[in-house]
C-alpha cells in the first residue's frame, strides 16, 4: 500500500512540475477569519508561498512578497501565504514581528502542501488565470525576487 501511495505522490509531483498542469483545489482558513478557496480565484494570477515560522529564508522573503503583492495586485495578481506550522500560534507570533497585507492561510496538517508536492521551505507555486500551475520555485535566495517579477509579468500579460 505504501509503495502505491508513494507512486501516486511521485506522479502527482511530476505532473505539477510540468507546465500547464491543473492546480489542485483547496479551501483553507485565513488570518482574516474567512475561508479562502483557490478555485474561486479563476481570472487572477496566484502565487502560493508555502512557509513556516522556523524557516530563516521564509522570514527574509516575507517583506519582498508583501511588496510584490502591493505592486501587482491592481493587475490581477495575488500572493497567498500558506503556513505549514503545526501550531497556528507559531505563525501568528512570526506575523506579529513581520506583518504582511496578503492573506495567510493555515495548513497545519500540510495537506495542501502535499497536494502540490512541496518538499522545501519556502516554496512558491505560480498559478495562471485559468487555474494551471505554471512554475514552482523551491527555496529562497537573495535576488530570487527578480525571477518572481519576470514570472508574474509573464502570467499577467497572458
N, C-alpha and C. Protein backbone atom coordinates (compact mmCIF):
# COMPACT_ATOMS: atom_id res chain seq x y z
N UNK A 1 0.82 -1.19 0.00
CA UNK A 1 0.00 0.00 0.00
C UNK A 1 0.87 1.26 0.00
N UNK A 2 1.93 1.26 0.84
CA UNK A 2 2.80 2.43 0.90
C UNK A 2 3.44 2.70 -0.47
N UNK A 3 3.90 1.64 -1.12
CA UNK A 3 4.54 1.79 -2.43
C UNK A 3 3.56 2.41 -3.43
N UNK A 4 2.30 1.97 -3.39
CA UNK A 4 1.26 2.50 -4.27
C UNK A 4 1.06 4.00 -4.01
N UNK A 5 0.95 4.39 -2.73
CA UNK A 5 0.76 5.81 -2.39
C UNK A 5 1.97 6.64 -2.80
N UNK A 6 3.16 6.09 -2.58
CA UNK A 6 4.37 6.80 -2.97
C UNK A 6 4.41 7.01 -4.48
N UNK A 7 3.99 6.02 -5.24
CA UNK A 7 3.95 6.14 -6.70
C UNK A 7 2.97 7.22 -7.13
N UNK A 8 1.79 7.24 -6.51
CA UNK A 8 0.81 8.27 -6.84
C UNK A 8 1.34 9.65 -6.49
N UNK A 9 1.98 9.79 -5.32
CA UNK A 9 2.55 11.07 -4.91
C UNK A 9 3.61 11.53 -5.90
N UNK A 10 4.49 10.63 -6.31
CA UNK A 10 5.53 10.99 -7.28
C UNK A 10 4.92 11.39 -8.61
N UNK A 11 3.89 10.69 -9.05
CA UNK A 11 3.24 11.01 -10.32
C UNK A 11 2.58 12.39 -10.24
N UNK A 12 1.93 12.69 -9.13
CA UNK A 12 1.30 14.00 -8.97
C UNK A 12 2.35 15.09 -8.96
N UNK A 13 3.44 14.87 -8.21
CA UNK A 13 4.50 15.87 -8.15
C UNK A 13 5.10 16.09 -9.53
N UNK A 14 5.31 15.03 -10.27
CA UNK A 14 5.86 15.16 -11.62
C UNK A 14 4.90 15.92 -12.53
N UNK A 15 3.61 15.64 -12.40
CA UNK A 15 2.65 16.33 -13.26
C UNK A 15 2.55 17.80 -12.89
N UNK A 16 2.65 18.12 -11.60
CA UNK A 16 2.60 19.53 -11.20
C UNK A 16 3.83 20.29 -11.65
N UNK A 17 4.96 19.59 -11.73
CA UNK A 17 6.19 20.26 -12.14
C UNK A 17 6.14 20.66 -13.61
N UNK A 18 5.30 20.01 -14.38
CA UNK A 18 5.17 20.33 -15.79
C UNK A 18 4.33 21.57 -16.02
N UNK A 19 4.57 22.22 -17.12
CA UNK A 19 3.80 23.42 -17.45
C UNK A 19 2.35 23.06 -17.73
N UNK A 20 1.47 23.96 -17.36
CA UNK A 20 0.04 23.85 -17.66
C UNK A 20 -0.67 22.68 -16.98
N UNK A 21 -0.17 22.21 -15.84
CA UNK A 21 -0.87 21.18 -15.09
C UNK A 21 -1.99 21.84 -14.29
N UNK A 22 -3.19 21.27 -14.27
CA UNK A 22 -4.27 21.85 -13.47
C UNK A 22 -3.89 21.88 -12.00
N UNK A 23 -4.19 22.98 -11.36
CA UNK A 23 -3.89 23.13 -9.94
C UNK A 23 -4.91 22.37 -9.10
N UNK A 24 -4.45 21.65 -8.07
CA UNK A 24 -5.41 21.06 -7.15
C UNK A 24 -6.20 22.17 -6.45
N UNK A 25 -7.47 21.93 -6.20
CA UNK A 25 -8.28 22.91 -5.48
C UNK A 25 -8.17 22.64 -3.99
N UNK A 26 -8.36 23.69 -3.21
CA UNK A 26 -8.37 23.54 -1.75
C UNK A 26 -9.09 24.74 -1.14
N UNK A 27 -9.50 24.56 0.09
CA UNK A 27 -10.07 25.63 0.90
C UNK A 27 -9.36 25.59 2.25
N UNK A 28 -8.87 26.76 2.70
CA UNK A 28 -8.20 26.85 4.00
C UNK A 28 -8.68 28.08 4.75
N UNK A 29 -8.60 28.01 6.07
CA UNK A 29 -8.89 29.16 6.92
C UNK A 29 -7.78 30.19 6.76
N UNK A 30 -8.16 31.46 6.79
CA UNK A 30 -7.17 32.53 6.64
C UNK A 30 -7.07 33.36 7.92
N UNK A 31 -6.05 34.20 7.95
CA UNK A 31 -5.84 35.06 9.11
C UNK A 31 -6.91 36.14 9.24
N UNK A 32 -7.73 36.34 8.21
CA UNK A 32 -8.82 37.31 8.30
C UNK A 32 -10.06 36.69 8.94
N UNK A 33 -10.03 35.37 9.14
CA UNK A 33 -11.18 34.67 9.69
C UNK A 33 -12.04 34.01 8.63
N UNK A 34 -11.82 34.36 7.37
CA UNK A 34 -12.57 33.77 6.27
C UNK A 34 -11.86 32.52 5.76
N UNK A 35 -12.63 31.63 5.15
CA UNK A 35 -12.05 30.51 4.42
C UNK A 35 -11.85 30.98 2.99
N UNK A 36 -10.70 30.66 2.41
CA UNK A 36 -10.42 31.01 1.02
C UNK A 36 -10.31 29.74 0.20
N UNK A 37 -10.95 29.75 -0.98
CA UNK A 37 -10.92 28.61 -1.89
C UNK A 37 -10.21 29.01 -3.17
N UNK A 38 -9.24 28.23 -3.56
CA UNK A 38 -8.43 28.54 -4.73
C UNK A 38 -9.27 28.61 -6.00
N UNK A 39 -10.18 27.67 -6.20
CA UNK A 39 -10.97 27.62 -7.44
C UNK A 39 -11.79 28.89 -7.65
N UNK A 40 -12.09 29.62 -6.59
CA UNK A 40 -12.85 30.85 -6.71
C UNK A 40 -12.00 32.03 -7.20
N UNK A 41 -10.74 31.79 -7.45
CA UNK A 41 -9.82 32.86 -7.87
C UNK A 41 -9.52 32.83 -9.36
N UNK A 42 -10.26 32.02 -10.13
CA UNK A 42 -10.02 31.98 -11.57
C UNK A 42 -10.08 33.41 -12.12
N UNK A 43 -9.20 33.70 -13.05
CA UNK A 43 -9.11 35.05 -13.59
C UNK A 43 -8.01 35.86 -12.94
N UNK A 44 -7.48 35.38 -11.83
CA UNK A 44 -6.37 36.03 -11.13
C UNK A 44 -5.11 35.18 -11.30
N UNK A 45 -3.96 35.82 -11.24
CA UNK A 45 -2.69 35.12 -11.16
C UNK A 45 -2.39 34.97 -9.67
N UNK A 46 -2.12 33.75 -9.24
CA UNK A 46 -1.91 33.48 -7.82
C UNK A 46 -0.50 32.93 -7.60
N UNK A 47 0.15 33.48 -6.58
CA UNK A 47 1.42 32.93 -6.10
C UNK A 47 1.15 32.34 -4.72
N UNK A 48 1.19 31.02 -4.64
CA UNK A 48 1.07 30.35 -3.34
C UNK A 48 2.48 30.25 -2.78
N UNK A 49 2.70 30.84 -1.62
CA UNK A 49 4.01 30.76 -0.99
C UNK A 49 3.89 29.92 0.27
N UNK A 50 4.48 28.73 0.25
CA UNK A 50 4.46 27.82 1.39
C UNK A 50 5.62 28.16 2.31
N UNK A 51 5.32 28.37 3.59
CA UNK A 51 6.34 28.82 4.53
C UNK A 51 6.07 28.28 5.94
N UNK A 52 7.09 28.41 6.78
CA UNK A 52 6.99 28.00 8.19
C UNK A 52 7.73 29.03 9.04
N UNK A 53 7.29 29.17 10.28
CA UNK A 53 7.88 30.17 11.17
C UNK A 53 9.34 29.87 11.51
N UNK A 54 9.73 28.62 11.49
CA UNK A 54 11.09 28.21 11.83
C UNK A 54 12.08 28.40 10.68
N UNK A 55 11.59 28.80 9.52
CA UNK A 55 12.39 28.88 8.30
C UNK A 55 13.00 30.27 8.13
N UNK A 56 14.32 30.36 8.24
CA UNK A 56 15.02 31.64 8.09
C UNK A 56 14.78 32.31 6.74
N UNK A 57 14.95 31.60 5.62
CA UNK A 57 14.69 32.22 4.33
C UNK A 57 13.24 32.69 4.17
N UNK A 58 12.31 32.01 4.83
CA UNK A 58 10.90 32.43 4.78
C UNK A 58 10.76 33.82 5.41
N UNK A 59 11.42 34.02 6.54
CA UNK A 59 11.37 35.32 7.22
C UNK A 59 11.96 36.41 6.34
N UNK A 60 13.05 36.10 5.67
CA UNK A 60 13.72 37.06 4.80
C UNK A 60 12.84 37.41 3.60
N UNK A 61 12.12 36.44 3.09
CA UNK A 61 11.33 36.61 1.87
C UNK A 61 10.01 37.36 2.10
N UNK A 62 9.43 37.25 3.28
CA UNK A 62 8.09 37.79 3.53
C UNK A 62 7.90 39.25 3.13
N UNK A 63 8.78 40.17 3.55
CA UNK A 63 8.58 41.57 3.14
C UNK A 63 8.64 41.76 1.62
N UNK A 64 9.44 40.96 0.95
CA UNK A 64 9.55 41.05 -0.51
C UNK A 64 8.25 40.59 -1.17
N UNK A 65 7.65 39.53 -0.62
CA UNK A 65 6.37 39.06 -1.14
C UNK A 65 5.28 40.10 -0.92
N UNK A 66 5.33 40.76 0.22
CA UNK A 66 4.35 41.80 0.50
C UNK A 66 4.48 42.94 -0.52
N UNK A 67 5.71 43.28 -0.88
CA UNK A 67 5.94 44.31 -1.90
C UNK A 67 5.38 43.87 -3.26
N UNK A 68 5.61 42.62 -3.63
CA UNK A 68 5.09 42.10 -4.91
C UNK A 68 3.57 42.13 -4.92
N UNK A 69 2.97 41.73 -3.81
CA UNK A 69 1.51 41.73 -3.70
C UNK A 69 0.97 43.15 -3.90
N UNK A 70 1.57 44.11 -3.22
CA UNK A 70 1.11 45.50 -3.33
C UNK A 70 1.33 46.04 -4.74
N UNK A 71 2.46 45.72 -5.31
CA UNK A 71 2.82 46.28 -6.61
C UNK A 71 1.94 45.77 -7.76
N UNK A 72 1.59 44.48 -7.74
CA UNK A 72 0.91 43.87 -8.88
C UNK A 72 -0.56 43.51 -8.63
N UNK A 73 -1.09 43.79 -7.46
CA UNK A 73 -2.47 43.38 -7.16
C UNK A 73 -3.49 44.06 -8.07
N UNK A 74 -3.25 45.30 -8.44
CA UNK A 74 -4.18 46.01 -9.32
C UNK A 74 -4.23 45.38 -10.72
N UNK A 75 -3.20 44.62 -11.07
CA UNK A 75 -3.15 43.97 -12.38
C UNK A 75 -3.71 42.55 -12.35
N UNK A 76 -4.29 42.15 -11.22
CA UNK A 76 -4.89 40.82 -11.14
C UNK A 76 -3.97 39.76 -10.57
N UNK A 77 -3.07 40.15 -9.68
CA UNK A 77 -2.11 39.24 -9.06
C UNK A 77 -2.33 39.21 -7.55
N UNK A 78 -2.24 38.02 -6.97
CA UNK A 78 -2.37 37.86 -5.52
C UNK A 78 -1.28 36.93 -5.00
N UNK A 79 -0.77 37.27 -3.82
CA UNK A 79 0.08 36.35 -3.07
C UNK A 79 -0.79 35.76 -1.98
N UNK A 80 -0.73 34.45 -1.83
CA UNK A 80 -1.35 33.77 -0.70
C UNK A 80 -0.23 33.05 0.04
N UNK A 81 -0.02 33.39 1.30
CA UNK A 81 0.95 32.69 2.12
C UNK A 81 0.29 31.48 2.75
N UNK A 82 0.88 30.31 2.56
CA UNK A 82 0.32 29.08 3.13
C UNK A 82 1.28 28.60 4.21
N UNK A 83 0.87 28.78 5.46
CA UNK A 83 1.71 28.40 6.58
C UNK A 83 1.51 26.93 6.92
N UNK A 84 2.62 26.21 7.14
CA UNK A 84 2.55 24.78 7.42
C UNK A 84 2.93 24.43 8.86
N UNK A 85 3.03 25.41 9.74
CA UNK A 85 3.31 25.12 11.15
C UNK A 85 2.18 24.28 11.73
N UNK A 86 2.52 23.34 12.60
CA UNK A 86 1.50 22.51 13.26
C UNK A 86 0.64 23.37 14.20
N UNK A 87 1.22 24.40 14.77
CA UNK A 87 0.51 25.30 15.68
C UNK A 87 0.34 26.67 15.03
N UNK A 88 -0.89 27.06 14.84
CA UNK A 88 -1.19 28.37 14.24
C UNK A 88 -0.54 29.51 15.02
N UNK A 89 -0.44 29.36 16.32
CA UNK A 89 0.15 30.41 17.16
C UNK A 89 1.60 30.70 16.78
N UNK A 90 2.34 29.69 16.28
CA UNK A 90 3.72 29.92 15.85
C UNK A 90 3.75 30.88 14.66
N UNK A 91 2.84 30.68 13.74
CA UNK A 91 2.75 31.57 12.57
C UNK A 91 2.33 32.97 13.00
N UNK A 92 1.36 33.06 13.89
CA UNK A 92 0.87 34.36 14.34
C UNK A 92 1.95 35.15 15.07
N UNK A 93 2.80 34.47 15.84
CA UNK A 93 3.91 35.15 16.51
C UNK A 93 4.88 35.74 15.49
N UNK A 94 5.18 34.99 14.45
CA UNK A 94 6.08 35.50 13.41
C UNK A 94 5.45 36.67 12.68
N UNK A 95 4.15 36.56 12.37
CA UNK A 95 3.47 37.63 11.64
C UNK A 95 3.35 38.91 12.48
N UNK A 96 3.38 38.78 13.80
CA UNK A 96 3.38 39.96 14.67
C UNK A 96 4.69 40.73 14.51
N UNK A 97 5.77 40.02 14.22
CA UNK A 97 7.08 40.65 14.03
C UNK A 97 7.31 41.08 12.58
N UNK A 98 6.74 40.32 11.65
CA UNK A 98 6.90 40.59 10.22
C UNK A 98 5.50 40.63 9.60
N UNK A 99 4.78 41.73 9.78
CA UNK A 99 3.40 41.78 9.27
C UNK A 99 3.37 41.89 7.74
N UNK A 100 2.34 41.29 7.16
CA UNK A 100 2.12 41.36 5.71
C UNK A 100 0.65 41.67 5.44
N UNK A 101 0.36 42.22 4.28
CA UNK A 101 -1.01 42.56 3.90
C UNK A 101 -1.69 41.48 3.07
N UNK A 102 -0.94 40.52 2.55
CA UNK A 102 -1.57 39.47 1.76
C UNK A 102 -2.16 38.40 2.69
N UNK A 103 -3.13 37.62 2.19
CA UNK A 103 -3.76 36.60 3.03
C UNK A 103 -2.79 35.50 3.46
N UNK A 104 -2.92 35.10 4.70
CA UNK A 104 -2.17 33.97 5.22
C UNK A 104 -3.18 32.85 5.49
N UNK A 105 -2.89 31.68 4.93
CA UNK A 105 -3.74 30.51 5.09
C UNK A 105 -3.02 29.50 5.99
N UNK A 106 -3.79 28.73 6.73
CA UNK A 106 -3.20 27.81 7.70
C UNK A 106 -3.42 26.36 7.28
N UNK A 107 -2.31 25.68 6.98
CA UNK A 107 -2.30 24.29 6.52
C UNK A 107 -1.56 23.45 7.57
N UNK A 108 -2.10 23.41 8.79
CA UNK A 108 -1.41 22.78 9.91
C UNK A 108 -1.14 21.29 9.71
N UNK A 109 -1.93 20.62 8.92
CA UNK A 109 -1.69 19.20 8.63
C UNK A 109 -0.86 18.98 7.39
N UNK A 110 -0.43 20.06 6.74
CA UNK A 110 0.35 20.02 5.49
C UNK A 110 -0.38 19.29 4.37
N UNK A 111 -1.71 19.23 4.44
CA UNK A 111 -2.48 18.54 3.40
C UNK A 111 -2.34 19.23 2.05
N UNK A 112 -2.41 20.56 2.04
CA UNK A 112 -2.32 21.29 0.78
C UNK A 112 -0.89 21.25 0.25
N UNK A 113 0.08 21.40 1.12
CA UNK A 113 1.47 21.34 0.63
C UNK A 113 1.77 19.98 0.01
N UNK A 114 1.19 18.92 0.55
CA UNK A 114 1.37 17.59 -0.04
C UNK A 114 0.73 17.51 -1.43
N UNK A 115 -0.45 18.13 -1.60
CA UNK A 115 -1.10 18.13 -2.91
C UNK A 115 -0.22 18.76 -3.99
N UNK A 116 0.59 19.73 -3.57
CA UNK A 116 1.46 20.42 -4.53
C UNK A 116 2.87 19.84 -4.57
N UNK A 117 3.13 18.79 -3.79
CA UNK A 117 4.45 18.16 -3.80
C UNK A 117 5.53 19.03 -3.20
N UNK A 118 5.18 19.87 -2.24
CA UNK A 118 6.15 20.79 -1.64
C UNK A 118 7.10 20.00 -0.75
N UNK A 119 8.40 20.17 -1.00
CA UNK A 119 9.41 19.45 -0.24
C UNK A 119 10.52 20.37 0.29
N UNK A 120 10.32 21.68 0.18
CA UNK A 120 11.32 22.64 0.66
C UNK A 120 10.59 23.89 1.14
N UNK A 121 11.16 24.54 2.15
CA UNK A 121 10.61 25.79 2.66
C UNK A 121 11.61 26.90 2.41
N UNK A 122 11.16 28.02 1.90
CA UNK A 122 9.85 28.25 1.31
C UNK A 122 9.79 27.67 -0.10
N UNK A 123 8.60 27.51 -0.59
CA UNK A 123 8.37 27.15 -1.99
C UNK A 123 7.22 27.98 -2.51
N UNK A 124 7.33 28.41 -3.76
CA UNK A 124 6.27 29.22 -4.37
C UNK A 124 5.74 28.53 -5.61
N UNK A 125 4.42 28.50 -5.70
CA UNK A 125 3.73 27.91 -6.84
C UNK A 125 3.00 29.04 -7.55
N UNK A 126 3.26 29.20 -8.84
CA UNK A 126 2.61 30.25 -9.63
C UNK A 126 1.51 29.62 -10.47
N UNK A 127 0.30 30.16 -10.31
CA UNK A 127 -0.89 29.63 -10.97
C UNK A 127 -1.44 30.69 -11.91
N UNK A 128 -1.70 30.31 -13.17
CA UNK A 128 -2.18 31.30 -14.13
C UNK A 128 -3.68 31.56 -13.97
N UNK A 129 -4.18 32.46 -14.79
CA UNK A 129 -5.59 32.89 -14.68
C UNK A 129 -6.59 31.77 -14.93
N UNK A 130 -6.17 30.73 -15.63
CA UNK A 130 -7.08 29.61 -15.91
C UNK A 130 -6.97 28.50 -14.86
N UNK A 131 -6.13 28.70 -13.84
CA UNK A 131 -6.02 27.73 -12.76
C UNK A 131 -5.00 26.64 -13.00
N UNK A 132 -4.03 26.90 -13.85
CA UNK A 132 -2.99 25.91 -14.13
C UNK A 132 -1.68 26.30 -13.46
N UNK A 133 -1.00 25.29 -12.89
CA UNK A 133 0.31 25.51 -12.29
C UNK A 133 1.30 25.75 -13.42
N UNK A 134 1.98 26.88 -13.36
CA UNK A 134 2.91 27.23 -14.44
C UNK A 134 4.37 27.17 -14.01
N UNK A 135 4.63 27.48 -12.75
CA UNK A 135 6.01 27.46 -12.25
C UNK A 135 6.00 27.05 -10.78
N UNK A 136 7.03 26.32 -10.39
CA UNK A 136 7.26 26.02 -8.97
C UNK A 136 8.69 26.41 -8.66
N UNK A 137 8.84 27.27 -7.66
CA UNK A 137 10.16 27.74 -7.24
C UNK A 137 10.42 27.23 -5.83
N UNK A 138 11.44 26.41 -5.66
CA UNK A 138 11.77 25.85 -4.35
C UNK A 138 12.91 26.63 -3.70
N UNK A 139 12.72 26.94 -2.41
CA UNK A 139 13.75 27.66 -1.67
C UNK A 139 13.70 29.15 -1.94
N UNK A 140 14.56 29.88 -1.24
CA UNK A 140 14.69 31.31 -1.49
C UNK A 140 16.13 31.72 -1.21
N UNK A 141 16.67 32.48 -2.16
CA UNK A 141 17.97 33.11 -2.01
C UNK A 141 17.83 34.57 -2.39
N UNK A 142 18.61 35.41 -1.78
CA UNK A 142 18.55 36.83 -2.10
C UNK A 142 18.67 37.01 -3.61
N UNK A 143 17.78 37.80 -4.18
CA UNK A 143 17.77 38.04 -5.62
C UNK A 143 16.72 37.25 -6.37
N UNK A 144 16.12 36.24 -5.73
CA UNK A 144 15.09 35.44 -6.40
C UNK A 144 13.87 36.28 -6.78
N UNK A 145 13.68 37.41 -6.11
CA UNK A 145 12.53 38.25 -6.43
C UNK A 145 12.57 38.74 -7.88
N UNK A 146 13.75 38.83 -8.47
CA UNK A 146 13.85 39.19 -9.89
C UNK A 146 13.20 38.13 -10.77
N UNK A 147 13.42 36.86 -10.45
CA UNK A 147 12.78 35.78 -11.19
C UNK A 147 11.28 35.79 -10.95
N UNK A 148 10.87 36.09 -9.72
CA UNK A 148 9.43 36.17 -9.41
C UNK A 148 8.76 37.25 -10.26
N UNK A 149 9.39 38.42 -10.35
CA UNK A 149 8.80 39.52 -11.14
C UNK A 149 8.64 39.12 -12.60
N UNK A 150 9.64 38.44 -13.13
CA UNK A 150 9.58 38.00 -14.53
C UNK A 150 8.39 37.06 -14.74
N UNK A 151 8.22 36.09 -13.84
CA UNK A 151 7.11 35.14 -13.95
C UNK A 151 5.78 35.86 -13.80
N UNK A 152 5.67 36.73 -12.81
CA UNK A 152 4.43 37.47 -12.56
C UNK A 152 4.03 38.29 -13.79
N UNK A 153 4.98 39.03 -14.34
CA UNK A 153 4.68 39.87 -15.52
C UNK A 153 4.24 39.01 -16.70
N UNK A 154 4.92 37.89 -16.89
CA UNK A 154 4.55 36.97 -17.99
C UNK A 154 3.12 36.48 -17.84
N UNK A 155 2.75 36.06 -16.63
CA UNK A 155 1.43 35.50 -16.40
C UNK A 155 0.34 36.58 -16.43
N UNK A 156 0.66 37.77 -15.97
CA UNK A 156 -0.32 38.87 -16.02
C UNK A 156 -0.64 39.26 -17.47
N UNK A 157 0.39 39.24 -18.32
CA UNK A 157 0.20 39.63 -19.74
C UNK A 157 -0.64 38.66 -20.53
N UNK A 158 -0.71 37.42 -20.07
CA UNK A 158 -1.44 36.39 -20.85
C UNK A 158 -2.94 36.64 -20.84
